Structure formats: C-alpha cells, structure tokens
Amino acid sequence: MKYEINRRFEKDLRNLPEIAEKAAGEFLIELEEAKTLRDIRDCIPFQGKKNAYRVRRGSYRILMILYVENEVVHLMRMLTRGQAYKSSF
C-alpha cells in the first residue's frame, strides 16, 4: 500500500526509545507489502473517527487514516497506549 508520513509521526519517532523505532520500521515494511488493511496484523478501526485505524505494536499504537479515493494511508502518530486514546489526531 502507499503511505505518507505526517510530521507529527516523525517527531513522535524521534522521541521514542530505540525499540519503538524498530517496531515502526517493521510496520512500514509490513505496510508496503500489504494489499489491504486486512493484511496488516492488529489493525482495527479507531472508534470515534471516520477512516481511522490503529495498529498495536507492543505498548505503542500507530494511528493512521486511510484516504479511500486514492488508497493512501497517512501515518499520523505513534504514541504509548495511554497517550493514543487521549490524543486528537
């Protein structure tokens, strides 16, 4: 799948420990190889947001929005579980 990385996502990555960066890198490889969001493990809809999804990677959550018309996934944030559910991305 095609994806775009938001500036906030990049900033989150710079502030996370190395293990979270590794998890993000593995996720990006998985995202590139996926044909649909169903091919991504632990990807579920994010409640309360239209076309928003979250992916669990350890104690972190990757928050993303799928723009259906051009099938591009926008990676918005990578936060700890507690921060992810409090954020407004």
N, C-alpha and C. Protein backbone atom coordinates (compact mmCIF):
# COMPACT_ATOMS: atom_id res chain seq x y z
N MET A 1 0.84 -1.18 0.00
CA MET A 1 0.00 0.00 0.00
C MET A 1 0.88 1.24 0.00
N LYS A 2 0.34 2.29 -0.53
CA LYS A 2 1.03 3.57 -0.49
C LYS A 2 0.79 4.22 0.86
N TYR A 3 1.79 4.96 1.32
CA TYR A 3 1.61 5.67 2.59
C TYR A 3 2.37 6.98 2.58
N GLU A 4 1.92 7.88 3.43
CA GLU A 4 2.58 9.16 3.64
C GLU A 4 2.78 9.33 5.14
N ILE A 5 3.91 9.90 5.51
CA ILE A 5 4.23 10.09 6.92
C ILE A 5 4.02 11.54 7.30
N ASN A 6 3.20 11.75 8.32
CA ASN A 6 2.92 13.08 8.84
C ASN A 6 4.11 13.57 9.65
N ARG A 7 4.29 14.88 9.73
CA ARG A 7 5.40 15.45 10.52
C ARG A 7 5.30 15.08 11.99
N ARG A 8 4.09 15.01 12.50
CA ARG A 8 3.91 14.62 13.91
C ARG A 8 4.37 13.20 14.15
N PHE A 9 4.15 12.30 13.17
CA PHE A 9 4.61 10.92 13.28
C PHE A 9 6.13 10.89 13.35
N GLU A 10 6.79 11.67 12.49
CA GLU A 10 8.26 11.73 12.50
C GLU A 10 8.76 12.25 13.84
N LYS A 11 8.11 13.27 14.38
CA LYS A 11 8.51 13.85 15.66
C LYS A 11 8.32 12.82 16.78
N ASP A 12 7.21 12.09 16.74
CA ASP A 12 6.98 11.05 17.74
C ASP A 12 8.10 10.01 17.71
N LEU A 13 8.51 9.62 16.51
CA LEU A 13 9.56 8.61 16.38
C LEU A 13 10.88 9.09 16.98
N ARG A 14 11.21 10.36 16.79
CA ARG A 14 12.46 10.89 17.34
C ARG A 14 12.46 10.86 18.86
N ASN A 15 11.30 10.93 19.47
CA ASN A 15 11.20 10.99 20.92
C ASN A 15 10.96 9.63 21.58
N LEU A 16 10.86 8.57 20.80
CA LEU A 16 10.59 7.25 21.34
C LEU A 16 11.88 6.45 21.51
N PRO A 17 11.87 5.43 22.39
CA PRO A 17 13.05 4.58 22.54
C PRO A 17 13.34 3.78 21.27
N GLU A 18 14.53 3.25 21.21
CA GLU A 18 15.00 2.53 20.02
C GLU A 18 14.10 1.35 19.67
N ILE A 19 13.58 0.66 20.67
CA ILE A 19 12.72 -0.49 20.40
C ILE A 19 11.45 -0.09 19.66
N ALA A 20 10.92 1.09 19.97
CA ALA A 20 9.73 1.58 19.28
C ALA A 20 10.07 1.96 17.85
N GLU A 21 11.25 2.53 17.63
CA GLU A 21 11.68 2.86 16.27
C GLU A 21 11.80 1.59 15.44
N LYS A 22 12.33 0.54 16.03
CA LYS A 22 12.46 -0.74 15.33
C LYS A 22 11.07 -1.28 14.96
N ALA A 23 10.13 -1.19 15.90
CA ALA A 23 8.76 -1.65 15.64
C ALA A 23 8.13 -0.85 14.51
N ALA A 24 8.40 0.46 14.47
CA ALA A 24 7.86 1.30 13.39
C ALA A 24 8.45 0.90 12.05
N GLY A 25 9.74 0.62 12.02
CA GLY A 25 10.38 0.19 10.78
C GLY A 25 9.80 -1.11 10.26
N GLU A 26 9.58 -2.06 11.16
CA GLU A 26 8.97 -3.33 10.77
C GLU A 26 7.55 -3.12 10.26
N PHE A 27 6.84 -2.20 10.91
CA PHE A 27 5.47 -1.89 10.47
C PHE A 27 5.46 -1.30 9.06
N LEU A 28 6.40 -0.40 8.77
CA LEU A 28 6.45 0.21 7.43
C LEU A 28 6.70 -0.84 6.36
N ILE A 29 7.56 -1.81 6.65
CA ILE A 29 7.80 -2.90 5.69
C ILE A 29 6.51 -3.70 5.49
N GLU A 30 5.82 -4.01 6.59
CA GLU A 30 4.56 -4.75 6.50
C GLU A 30 3.52 -3.96 5.72
N LEU A 31 3.48 -2.65 5.92
CA LEU A 31 2.53 -1.79 5.22
C LEU A 31 2.81 -1.75 3.72
N GLU A 32 4.08 -1.69 3.35
CA GLU A 32 4.44 -1.68 1.92
C GLU A 32 4.02 -2.97 1.24
N GLU A 33 4.15 -4.08 1.94
CA GLU A 33 3.83 -5.39 1.35
C GLU A 33 2.34 -5.69 1.34
N ALA A 34 1.56 -5.00 2.17
CA ALA A 34 0.13 -5.26 2.28
C ALA A 34 -0.63 -4.72 1.08
N LYS A 35 -1.65 -5.46 0.68
CA LYS A 35 -2.52 -5.01 -0.41
C LYS A 35 -3.74 -4.28 0.15
N THR A 36 -4.18 -4.69 1.34
CA THR A 36 -5.29 -4.02 2.02
C THR A 36 -4.94 -3.91 3.50
N LEU A 37 -5.74 -3.17 4.24
CA LEU A 37 -5.51 -3.04 5.68
C LEU A 37 -5.73 -4.36 6.40
N ARG A 38 -6.52 -5.24 5.83
CA ARG A 38 -6.76 -6.55 6.44
C ARG A 38 -5.49 -7.40 6.47
N ASP A 39 -4.54 -7.08 5.62
CA ASP A 39 -3.28 -7.82 5.58
C ASP A 39 -2.32 -7.41 6.70
N ILE A 40 -2.65 -6.37 7.42
CA ILE A 40 -1.79 -5.86 8.49
C ILE A 40 -2.28 -6.43 9.81
N ARG A 41 -1.40 -7.08 10.54
CA ARG A 41 -1.82 -7.68 11.81
C ARG A 41 -2.11 -6.60 12.85
N ASP A 42 -3.08 -6.87 13.68
CA ASP A 42 -3.50 -5.98 14.77
C ASP A 42 -4.00 -4.62 14.28
N CYS A 43 -4.50 -4.53 13.07
CA CYS A 43 -5.05 -3.28 12.55
C CYS A 43 -6.56 -3.31 12.73
N ILE A 44 -7.07 -2.38 13.55
CA ILE A 44 -8.51 -2.33 13.78
C ILE A 44 -8.98 -0.88 13.67
N PRO A 45 -10.26 -0.68 13.38
CA PRO A 45 -10.78 0.69 13.31
C PRO A 45 -10.63 1.41 14.64
N PHE A 46 -10.34 2.69 14.56
CA PHE A 46 -10.21 3.54 15.74
C PHE A 46 -11.58 4.13 16.01
N GLN A 47 -12.16 3.81 17.13
CA GLN A 47 -13.53 4.24 17.41
C GLN A 47 -13.62 5.75 17.51
N GLY A 48 -14.69 6.27 16.92
CA GLY A 48 -14.97 7.70 17.00
C GLY A 48 -14.38 8.52 15.87
N LYS A 49 -13.63 7.91 14.98
CA LYS A 49 -13.02 8.63 13.85
C LYS A 49 -13.34 7.87 12.57
N LYS A 50 -13.70 8.62 11.55
CA LYS A 50 -14.02 8.01 10.26
C LYS A 50 -12.73 7.69 9.51
N ASN A 51 -12.63 6.50 8.96
CA ASN A 51 -11.47 6.03 8.19
C ASN A 51 -10.17 6.03 9.00
N ALA A 52 -10.28 6.00 10.31
CA ALA A 52 -9.09 5.98 11.17
C ALA A 52 -8.88 4.57 11.70
N TYR A 53 -7.62 4.18 11.82
CA TYR A 53 -7.26 2.85 12.29
C TYR A 53 -6.11 2.97 13.27
N ARG A 54 -5.96 1.94 14.08
CA ARG A 54 -4.83 1.88 14.97
C ARG A 54 -4.19 0.50 14.83
N VAL A 55 -2.88 0.49 14.98
CA VAL A 55 -2.12 -0.75 14.91
C VAL A 55 -1.34 -0.87 16.20
N ARG A 56 -1.46 -2.00 16.84
CA ARG A 56 -0.76 -2.23 18.10
C ARG A 56 0.61 -2.83 17.83
N ARG A 57 1.62 -2.22 18.39
CA ARG A 57 2.99 -2.73 18.34
C ARG A 57 3.56 -2.62 19.75
N GLY A 58 3.46 -3.70 20.51
CA GLY A 58 3.90 -3.69 21.90
C GLY A 58 3.04 -2.75 22.71
N SER A 59 3.68 -1.84 23.45
CA SER A 59 2.92 -0.89 24.26
C SER A 59 2.63 0.40 23.49
N TYR A 60 2.92 0.40 22.19
CA TYR A 60 2.70 1.59 21.36
C TYR A 60 1.56 1.35 20.39
N ARG A 61 0.97 2.46 19.96
CA ARG A 61 -0.11 2.41 18.97
C ARG A 61 0.27 3.33 17.82
N ILE A 62 0.12 2.83 16.62
CA ILE A 62 0.34 3.64 15.42
C ILE A 62 -1.04 4.05 14.94
N LEU A 63 -1.27 5.34 14.86
CA LEU A 63 -2.56 5.87 14.45
C LEU A 63 -2.47 6.34 13.01
N MET A 64 -3.46 5.93 12.19
CA MET A 64 -3.41 6.28 10.78
C MET A 64 -4.80 6.51 10.24
N ILE A 65 -4.83 7.22 9.12
CA ILE A 65 -6.09 7.50 8.42
C ILE A 65 -5.94 6.99 6.99
N LEU A 66 -6.95 6.31 6.50
CA LEU A 66 -6.96 5.81 5.13
C LEU A 66 -7.82 6.72 4.28
N TYR A 67 -7.23 7.31 3.26
CA TYR A 67 -7.99 8.11 2.29
C TYR A 67 -8.38 7.18 1.16
N VAL A 68 -9.66 6.84 1.12
CA VAL A 68 -10.16 5.78 0.26
C VAL A 68 -10.04 6.13 -1.22
N GLU A 69 -10.29 7.39 -1.58
CA GLU A 69 -10.32 7.73 -3.01
C GLU A 69 -9.00 7.46 -3.72
N ASN A 70 -7.87 7.66 -3.05
CA ASN A 70 -6.59 7.36 -3.70
C ASN A 70 -5.82 6.25 -2.98
N GLU A 71 -6.48 5.60 -2.02
CA GLU A 71 -5.94 4.46 -1.29
C GLU A 71 -4.55 4.74 -0.70
N VAL A 72 -4.42 5.87 -0.06
CA VAL A 72 -3.17 6.24 0.60
C VAL A 72 -3.41 6.26 2.10
N VAL A 73 -2.51 5.63 2.82
CA VAL A 73 -2.56 5.61 4.28
C VAL A 73 -1.68 6.75 4.79
N HIS A 74 -2.24 7.59 5.63
CA HIS A 74 -1.49 8.68 6.25
C HIS A 74 -1.16 8.28 7.68
N LEU A 75 0.12 8.12 7.97
CA LEU A 75 0.56 7.77 9.31
C LEU A 75 0.59 9.04 10.13
N MET A 76 -0.24 9.10 11.15
CA MET A 76 -0.44 10.33 11.90
C MET A 76 0.40 10.41 13.17
N ARG A 77 0.36 9.39 14.02
CA ARG A 77 1.04 9.42 15.31
C ARG A 77 1.53 8.04 15.68
N MET A 78 2.54 7.99 16.54
CA MET A 78 2.96 6.76 17.20
C MET A 78 3.16 7.13 18.67
N LEU A 79 2.25 6.62 19.50
CA LEU A 79 2.21 7.01 20.90
C LEU A 79 2.06 5.78 21.79
N THR A 80 2.30 5.98 23.07
CA THR A 80 2.00 4.90 24.01
C THR A 80 0.50 4.71 24.04
N ARG A 81 0.09 3.57 24.57
CA ARG A 81 -1.34 3.26 24.59
C ARG A 81 -2.15 4.35 25.28
N GLY A 82 -1.72 4.78 26.45
CA GLY A 82 -2.45 5.80 27.20
C GLY A 82 -2.56 7.12 26.45
N GLN A 83 -1.46 7.51 25.81
CA GLN A 83 -1.47 8.77 25.07
C GLN A 83 -2.33 8.67 23.81
N ALA A 84 -2.31 7.51 23.17
CA ALA A 84 -3.03 7.34 21.90
C ALA A 84 -4.53 7.55 22.07
N TYR A 85 -5.08 7.03 23.13
CA TYR A 85 -6.53 7.11 23.29
C TYR A 85 -6.97 8.48 23.84
N LYS A 86 -6.02 9.28 24.30
CA LYS A 86 -6.33 10.63 24.75
C LYS A 86 -6.09 11.66 23.66
N SER A 87 -5.35 11.29 22.61
CA SER A 87 -4.95 12.25 21.58
C SER A 87 -6.10 12.56 20.62
N SER A 88 -5.99 13.69 20.01
CA SER A 88 -6.91 14.05 18.92
C SER A 88 -6.04 14.27 17.69
N PHE A 89 -5.96 13.25 16.88
CA PHE A 89 -5.08 13.34 15.70
C PHE A 89 -5.82 13.74 14.48
